[in-house]
Amino acid sequence: MSIIAIAAAGIAAVLTAVQLKSARGEYGIYVVLAAGLFIFFYGAEKLAGIMRALEQIETYIRVSRPYLEALLKMIGITYVTEFASGMCRDAGYGSLGNQIEIFGKLSILALSMPILLALFGTLEQFLQ
């Protein structure tokens, strides 16, 4: 399925939700949530291709596997965080969406700390 089909499915879900909003508002949220989950899981399938590409990059240049795994985890955290916060905002709970985004940013920061410390250790060795 291409980006055009995904975009069309999203637009169709939004138009359906707008039509349902006048009759029963909660049904519109359910339609958008279902479409969002469909797109989310379709996007998650794309991560397999990204993983193959990262493994190929690993064969070309000598990058430690934990660094590539951390990069993939950061991508996953970003994807899930954006999805969840967007759904919260669409449902009218923007403050909860903001909290999810802050937690996602803190999670990425915590995940990147060992890499940052290794970088500083390498720089310290070069400077001596």
Protein backbone atom coordinates (compact mmCIF):
# COMPACT_ATOMS: atom_id res chain seq x y z
CA MET A 1 0.00 0.00 0.00
CA SER A 2 1.42 3.35 -0.96
CA ILE A 3 1.37 6.65 0.85
CA ILE A 4 -1.47 7.76 -1.42
CA ALA A 5 -3.65 4.87 -0.27
CA ILE A 6 -2.81 5.52 3.38
CA ALA A 7 -3.57 9.23 2.96
CA ALA A 8 -6.87 8.39 1.24
CA ALA A 9 -7.80 6.02 4.07
CA GLY A 10 -7.02 8.75 6.60
CA ILE A 11 -9.04 11.35 4.76
CA ALA A 12 -11.97 8.94 4.37
CA ALA A 13 -11.86 8.21 8.11
CA VAL A 14 -11.86 11.90 8.96
CA LEU A 15 -14.75 12.63 6.60
CA THR A 16 -16.72 9.73 8.08
CA ALA A 17 -15.94 10.95 11.60
CA VAL A 18 -17.15 14.44 10.74
CA GLN A 19 -20.42 13.01 9.43
CA LEU A 20 -20.86 10.86 12.54
CA LYS A 21 -19.99 13.71 14.89
CA SER A 22 -23.37 15.36 14.40
CA ALA A 23 -25.27 12.20 15.36
CA ARG A 24 -23.03 10.51 17.91
CA GLY A 25 -19.71 12.24 18.61
CA GLU A 26 -18.05 9.24 20.21
CA TYR A 27 -18.43 7.19 17.03
CA GLY A 28 -16.33 9.70 15.15
CA ILE A 29 -13.52 9.24 17.65
CA TYR A 30 -13.76 5.46 17.26
CA VAL A 31 -13.55 5.70 13.46
CA VAL A 32 -10.48 7.95 13.64
CA LEU A 33 -8.89 5.70 16.27
CA ALA A 34 -9.46 2.60 14.13
CA ALA A 35 -7.97 4.30 11.07
CA GLY A 36 -5.06 5.52 13.17
CA LEU A 37 -4.37 2.02 14.46
CA PHE A 38 -4.52 0.64 10.92
CA ILE A 39 -2.00 3.22 9.72
CA PHE A 40 0.15 2.71 12.83
CA PHE A 41 0.47 -1.03 12.33
CA TYR A 42 1.08 -0.60 8.63
CA GLY A 43 3.87 1.83 9.46
CA ALA A 44 5.27 -0.58 12.03
CA GLU A 45 5.66 -3.16 9.25
CA LYS A 46 7.94 -0.69 7.49
CA LEU A 47 10.32 -0.97 10.42
CA ALA A 48 11.39 -4.40 9.14
CA GLY A 49 12.76 -2.74 6.00
CA ILE A 50 14.51 -0.14 8.10
CA MET A 51 16.07 -2.90 10.19
CA ARG A 52 17.39 -4.62 7.06
CA ALA A 53 18.86 -1.34 5.86
CA LEU A 54 20.55 -0.76 9.22
CA GLU A 55 22.04 -4.25 9.08
CA GLN A 56 23.37 -3.50 5.60
CA ILE A 57 24.87 -0.23 6.84
CA GLU A 58 26.51 -2.23 9.62
CA THR A 59 28.26 -4.39 7.00
CA TYR A 60 29.57 -1.35 5.12
CA ILE A 61 30.95 0.55 8.06
CA ARG A 62 32.06 -0.73 11.41
CA VAL A 63 29.39 0.54 13.71
CA SER A 64 28.79 -1.21 16.97
CA ARG A 65 25.49 -3.07 17.01
CA PRO A 66 24.26 -1.48 20.26
CA TYR A 67 24.43 1.94 18.58
CA LEU A 68 22.23 0.79 15.71
CA GLU A 69 19.83 -0.86 18.14
CA ALA A 70 19.60 2.37 20.12
CA LEU A 71 18.89 4.28 16.91
CA LEU A 72 16.10 1.87 16.01
CA LYS A 73 14.64 2.15 19.52
CA MET A 74 14.69 5.94 19.22
CA ILE A 75 12.82 5.73 15.94
CA GLY A 76 10.25 3.43 17.53
CA ILE A 77 9.81 5.67 20.57
CA THR A 78 9.31 8.67 18.30
CA TYR A 79 6.74 6.85 16.16
CA VAL A 80 4.71 5.55 19.10
CA THR A 81 4.89 8.88 20.94
CA GLU A 82 3.69 10.89 17.97
CA PHE A 83 0.87 8.44 17.34
CA ALA A 84 -0.34 8.38 20.93
CA SER A 85 -0.08 12.14 21.46
CA GLY A 86 -1.90 12.81 18.18
CA MET A 87 -4.72 10.49 19.18
CA CYS A 88 -5.03 12.22 22.56
CA ARG A 89 -5.18 15.62 20.88
CA ASP A 90 -7.81 14.44 18.40
CA ALA A 91 -9.92 13.15 21.27
CA GLY A 92 -9.72 16.57 22.92
CA TYR A 93 -7.12 15.72 25.55
CA GLY A 94 -4.24 17.89 24.39
CA SER A 95 -2.63 18.14 27.82
CA LEU A 96 -2.33 14.35 27.99
CA GLY A 97 -0.82 14.37 24.50
CA ASN A 98 1.76 16.90 25.67
CA GLN A 99 2.65 14.71 28.65
CA ILE A 100 3.13 11.72 26.36
CA GLU A 101 5.45 13.79 24.15
CA ILE A 102 7.49 14.92 27.14
CA PHE A 103 7.82 11.32 28.33
CA GLY A 104 8.89 10.25 24.84
CA LYS A 105 11.57 12.94 24.74
CA LEU A 106 12.83 11.94 28.16
CA SER A 107 12.91 8.29 27.07
CA ILE A 108 15.01 9.16 24.02
CA LEU A 109 17.33 11.25 26.18
CA ALA A 110 17.75 8.39 28.66
CA LEU A 111 18.40 5.96 25.81
CA SER A 112 21.02 8.24 24.28
CA MET A 113 22.99 8.90 27.47
CA PRO A 114 25.27 5.83 27.19
CA ILE A 115 26.06 6.79 23.58
CA LEU A 116 26.81 10.37 24.61
CA LEU A 117 29.09 9.16 27.42
CA ALA A 118 30.93 6.86 25.01
CA LEU A 119 31.38 9.80 22.63
CA PHE A 120 32.83 11.95 25.41
CA GLY A 121 35.14 9.09 26.41
CA THR A 122 36.40 8.83 22.84
CA LEU A 123 36.94 12.59 22.64
CA GLU A 124 38.84 12.51 25.93
CA GLN A 125 41.17 9.83 24.52
CA PHE A 126 41.85 11.91 21.42
CA LEU A 127 42.58 15.02 23.45
CA GLN A 128 45.18 13.31 25.66
